[in-house]
Amino acid sequence: ARLDDLLRSTGFADVSIEAVRFSFDFDTPEHWWEFVFDIAAPIRRRILSLDVPSQAKVRQLVLAQSDSFSSQGKLRLPAANLCVVASK
């Protein structure tokens, strides 16, 4: 609704928004951690600004939260892209 409102308030009409669902699949939670650490510069900078014990604690806490998305040692994280079509 927020994206629809934003587009309409800037002059767009006939707004159609569709969520295209997919998943990120990783062999292990650790592979996911490495992926995020490699591609998300703001997250990497923030974690690297911590002392080494704090970095390890953050990693441990985050990986513990991934348990609910794990099955047979693999990790599947649901995701979605919003695809928008509008006219102006």
N, C-alpha and C. Protein backbone atom coordinates (compact mmCIF):
# COMPACT_ATOMS: atom_id res chain seq x y z
N ALA A 1 0.82 -1.19 0.00
CA ALA A 1 0.00 0.00 0.00
C ALA A 1 0.87 1.26 0.00
N ARG A 2 1.98 1.19 0.72
CA ARG A 2 2.86 2.37 0.79
C ARG A 2 3.47 2.69 -0.58
N LEU A 3 3.92 1.66 -1.28
CA LEU A 3 4.49 1.87 -2.61
C LEU A 3 3.43 2.37 -3.58
N ASP A 4 2.24 1.81 -3.52
CA ASP A 4 1.13 2.25 -4.36
C ASP A 4 0.84 3.73 -4.10
N ASP A 5 0.74 4.11 -2.83
CA ASP A 5 0.48 5.52 -2.48
C ASP A 5 1.59 6.43 -2.99
N LEU A 6 2.82 6.01 -2.84
CA LEU A 6 3.96 6.82 -3.30
C LEU A 6 3.90 7.04 -4.81
N LEU A 7 3.66 5.97 -5.55
CA LEU A 7 3.60 6.09 -7.01
C LEU A 7 2.45 6.99 -7.44
N ARG A 8 1.29 6.80 -6.83
CA ARG A 8 0.12 7.61 -7.21
C ARG A 8 0.32 9.08 -6.84
N SER A 9 0.98 9.33 -5.70
CA SER A 9 1.20 10.72 -5.27
C SER A 9 2.21 11.45 -6.16
N THR A 10 2.99 10.71 -6.94
CA THR A 10 3.95 11.33 -7.85
C THR A 10 3.46 11.31 -9.30
N GLY A 11 2.15 11.03 -9.47
CA GLY A 11 1.55 11.16 -10.79
C GLY A 11 1.37 9.88 -11.57
N PHE A 12 1.70 8.75 -11.03
CA PHE A 12 1.50 7.50 -11.75
C PHE A 12 0.06 7.04 -11.59
N ALA A 13 -0.42 6.32 -12.59
CA ALA A 13 -1.78 5.77 -12.57
C ALA A 13 -1.72 4.31 -13.01
N ASP A 14 -2.85 3.64 -12.92
CA ASP A 14 -2.92 2.23 -13.33
C ASP A 14 -1.79 1.42 -12.69
N VAL A 15 -1.61 1.61 -11.40
CA VAL A 15 -0.52 0.96 -10.68
C VAL A 15 -0.88 -0.50 -10.41
N SER A 16 0.01 -1.37 -10.79
CA SER A 16 -0.15 -2.80 -10.52
C SER A 16 1.14 -3.28 -9.85
N ILE A 17 1.00 -3.89 -8.68
CA ILE A 17 2.16 -4.37 -7.93
C ILE A 17 1.97 -5.85 -7.65
N GLU A 18 2.99 -6.62 -7.98
CA GLU A 18 2.94 -8.06 -7.75
C GLU A 18 4.21 -8.51 -7.03
N ALA A 19 4.03 -9.31 -6.00
CA ALA A 19 5.18 -9.89 -5.29
C ALA A 19 5.56 -11.18 -5.99
N VAL A 20 6.78 -11.25 -6.44
CA VAL A 20 7.31 -12.47 -7.06
C VAL A 20 8.16 -13.16 -5.99
N ARG A 21 7.66 -14.27 -5.52
CA ARG A 21 8.30 -14.97 -4.41
C ARG A 21 9.34 -15.97 -4.91
N PHE A 22 10.41 -16.09 -4.14
CA PHE A 22 11.48 -17.03 -4.42
C PHE A 22 12.17 -17.34 -3.11
N SER A 23 13.21 -18.12 -3.17
CA SER A 23 13.96 -18.39 -1.95
C SER A 23 15.46 -18.34 -2.25
N PHE A 24 16.21 -17.99 -1.24
CA PHE A 24 17.65 -18.10 -1.27
C PHE A 24 17.98 -19.42 -0.62
N ASP A 25 18.67 -20.30 -1.33
CA ASP A 25 19.02 -21.61 -0.80
C ASP A 25 20.53 -21.70 -0.60
N PHE A 26 20.91 -22.19 0.56
CA PHE A 26 22.33 -22.31 0.91
C PHE A 26 22.58 -23.70 1.48
N ASP A 27 23.77 -24.21 1.22
CA ASP A 27 24.13 -25.54 1.73
C ASP A 27 24.17 -25.57 3.25
N THR A 28 24.61 -24.48 3.85
CA THR A 28 24.69 -24.40 5.31
C THR A 28 24.39 -22.97 5.74
N PRO A 29 23.99 -22.76 6.98
CA PRO A 29 23.84 -21.40 7.48
C PRO A 29 25.14 -20.59 7.36
N GLU A 30 26.27 -21.25 7.53
CA GLU A 30 27.55 -20.54 7.40
C GLU A 30 27.76 -20.00 6.00
N HIS A 31 27.31 -20.74 4.98
CA HIS A 31 27.42 -20.24 3.60
C HIS A 31 26.56 -18.98 3.42
N TRP A 32 25.40 -18.98 4.04
CA TRP A 32 24.55 -17.78 4.00
C TRP A 32 25.26 -16.61 4.66
N TRP A 33 25.85 -16.83 5.83
CA TRP A 33 26.58 -15.78 6.54
C TRP A 33 27.67 -15.20 5.65
N GLU A 34 28.44 -16.06 4.99
CA GLU A 34 29.51 -15.60 4.10
C GLU A 34 28.94 -14.79 2.93
N PHE A 35 27.83 -15.23 2.37
CA PHE A 35 27.18 -14.53 1.27
C PHE A 35 26.78 -13.12 1.68
N VAL A 36 26.08 -13.00 2.80
CA VAL A 36 25.65 -11.69 3.30
C VAL A 36 26.86 -10.82 3.60
N PHE A 37 27.84 -11.38 4.25
CA PHE A 37 29.03 -10.63 4.60
C PHE A 37 29.75 -10.11 3.36
N ASP A 38 29.73 -10.91 2.27
CA ASP A 38 30.40 -10.52 1.02
C ASP A 38 29.64 -9.44 0.25
N ILE A 39 28.31 -9.48 0.26
CA ILE A 39 27.56 -8.57 -0.62
C ILE A 39 26.99 -7.34 0.10
N ALA A 40 26.89 -7.38 1.41
CA ALA A 40 26.25 -6.28 2.15
C ALA A 40 27.30 -5.43 2.85
N ALA A 41 27.85 -4.48 2.11
CA ALA A 41 28.94 -3.65 2.65
C ALA A 41 28.58 -2.94 3.95
N PRO A 42 27.37 -2.36 4.09
CA PRO A 42 27.06 -1.69 5.37
C PRO A 42 27.07 -2.66 6.56
N ILE A 43 26.56 -3.87 6.33
CA ILE A 43 26.57 -4.86 7.41
C ILE A 43 28.00 -5.26 7.73
N ARG A 44 28.79 -5.53 6.70
CA ARG A 44 30.20 -5.92 6.89
C ARG A 44 30.96 -4.84 7.66
N ARG A 45 30.78 -3.57 7.26
CA ARG A 45 31.49 -2.49 7.95
C ARG A 45 31.10 -2.42 9.42
N ARG A 46 29.82 -2.56 9.69
CA ARG A 46 29.35 -2.48 11.08
C ARG A 46 29.92 -3.62 11.92
N ILE A 47 29.89 -4.82 11.38
CA ILE A 47 30.42 -5.97 12.12
C ILE A 47 31.93 -5.83 12.33
N LEU A 48 32.63 -5.40 11.29
CA LEU A 48 34.09 -5.25 11.42
C LEU A 48 34.49 -4.12 12.37
N SER A 49 33.55 -3.23 12.66
CA SER A 49 33.85 -2.15 13.62
C SER A 49 33.83 -2.66 15.07
N LEU A 50 33.31 -3.87 15.26
CA LEU A 50 33.24 -4.46 16.60
C LEU A 50 34.55 -5.16 16.94
N ASP A 51 34.80 -5.36 18.23
CA ASP A 51 35.96 -6.16 18.61
C ASP A 51 35.68 -7.62 18.24
N VAL A 52 36.74 -8.43 18.19
CA VAL A 52 36.63 -9.81 17.72
C VAL A 52 35.63 -10.64 18.53
N PRO A 53 35.62 -10.56 19.87
CA PRO A 53 34.61 -11.33 20.61
C PRO A 53 33.17 -10.90 20.28
N SER A 54 32.96 -9.62 20.07
CA SER A 54 31.62 -9.14 19.71
C SER A 54 31.23 -9.60 18.31
N GLN A 55 32.18 -9.62 17.38
CA GLN A 55 31.91 -10.14 16.04
C GLN A 55 31.45 -11.58 16.11
N ALA A 56 32.13 -12.37 16.91
CA ALA A 56 31.77 -13.78 17.07
C ALA A 56 30.39 -13.94 17.69
N LYS A 57 30.07 -13.09 18.64
CA LYS A 57 28.77 -13.14 19.31
C LYS A 57 27.64 -12.80 18.33
N VAL A 58 27.83 -11.77 17.52
CA VAL A 58 26.83 -11.40 16.52
C VAL A 58 26.62 -12.56 15.55
N ARG A 59 27.70 -13.12 15.06
CA ARG A 59 27.62 -14.26 14.14
C ARG A 59 26.85 -15.40 14.77
N GLN A 60 27.16 -15.72 16.01
CA GLN A 60 26.50 -16.81 16.73
C GLN A 60 25.00 -16.53 16.87
N LEU A 61 24.65 -15.31 17.26
CA LEU A 61 23.24 -14.96 17.44
C LEU A 61 22.46 -15.01 16.13
N VAL A 62 23.06 -14.50 15.07
CA VAL A 62 22.39 -14.48 13.77
C VAL A 62 22.21 -15.91 13.26
N LEU A 63 23.25 -16.71 13.35
CA LEU A 63 23.14 -18.09 12.86
C LEU A 63 22.14 -18.89 13.68
N ALA A 64 22.02 -18.61 14.96
CA ALA A 64 21.03 -19.30 15.80
C ALA A 64 19.62 -19.00 15.31
N GLN A 65 19.39 -17.79 14.81
CA GLN A 65 18.06 -17.41 14.30
C GLN A 65 17.74 -18.12 12.99
N SER A 66 18.74 -18.61 12.31
CA SER A 66 18.49 -19.28 11.03
C SER A 66 17.95 -20.70 11.22
N ASP A 67 17.97 -21.21 12.43
CA ASP A 67 17.51 -22.58 12.68
C ASP A 67 16.10 -22.84 12.17
N SER A 68 15.23 -21.86 12.30
CA SER A 68 13.84 -22.06 11.88
C SER A 68 13.70 -22.17 10.35
N PHE A 69 14.75 -21.83 9.61
CA PHE A 69 14.74 -21.93 8.16
C PHE A 69 15.61 -23.08 7.65
N SER A 70 16.10 -23.89 8.58
CA SER A 70 16.99 -24.99 8.22
C SER A 70 16.24 -26.31 8.18
N SER A 71 16.65 -27.13 7.24
CA SER A 71 16.11 -28.48 7.13
C SER A 71 17.21 -29.38 6.59
N GLN A 72 17.51 -30.42 7.33
CA GLN A 72 18.55 -31.38 6.95
C GLN A 72 19.87 -30.67 6.65
N GLY A 73 20.19 -29.67 7.47
CA GLY A 73 21.46 -28.96 7.34
C GLY A 73 21.48 -27.88 6.28
N LYS A 74 20.46 -27.82 5.45
CA LYS A 74 20.39 -26.79 4.40
C LYS A 74 19.54 -25.62 4.88
N LEU A 75 19.78 -24.47 4.28
CA LEU A 75 19.08 -23.26 4.67
C LEU A 75 18.27 -22.74 3.49
N ARG A 76 16.98 -22.48 3.71
CA ARG A 76 16.11 -21.91 2.67
C ARG A 76 15.44 -20.68 3.25
N LEU A 77 15.79 -19.52 2.70
CA LEU A 77 15.24 -18.25 3.18
C LEU A 77 14.24 -17.70 2.18
N PRO A 78 12.98 -17.54 2.59
CA PRO A 78 11.99 -16.99 1.68
C PRO A 78 12.28 -15.51 1.39
N ALA A 79 11.96 -15.10 0.17
CA ALA A 79 12.19 -13.71 -0.24
C ALA A 79 11.15 -13.34 -1.29
N ALA A 80 11.09 -12.07 -1.60
CA ALA A 80 10.18 -11.60 -2.65
C ALA A 80 10.71 -10.32 -3.27
N ASN A 81 10.47 -10.17 -4.55
CA ASN A 81 10.72 -8.92 -5.26
C ASN A 81 9.38 -8.33 -5.61
N LEU A 82 9.27 -7.02 -5.47
CA LEU A 82 8.03 -6.35 -5.89
C LEU A 82 8.21 -5.87 -7.33
N CYS A 83 7.34 -6.35 -8.20
CA CYS A 83 7.37 -5.93 -9.60
C CYS A 83 6.22 -4.95 -9.80
N VAL A 84 6.54 -3.79 -10.37
CA VAL A 84 5.56 -2.72 -10.51
C VAL A 84 5.41 -2.35 -11.98
N VAL A 85 4.16 -2.16 -12.37
CA VAL A 85 3.84 -1.61 -13.69
C VAL A 85 2.90 -0.44 -13.42
N ALA A 86 3.21 0.70 -14.04
CA ALA A 86 2.37 1.90 -13.86
C ALA A 86 2.52 2.77 -15.10
N SER A 87 1.58 3.66 -15.26
CA SER A 87 1.67 4.60 -16.39
C SER A 87 1.65 6.02 -15.87
N LYS A 88 2.25 6.91 -16.66
CA LYS A 88 2.31 8.32 -16.27
C LYS A 88 1.91 9.17 -17.45
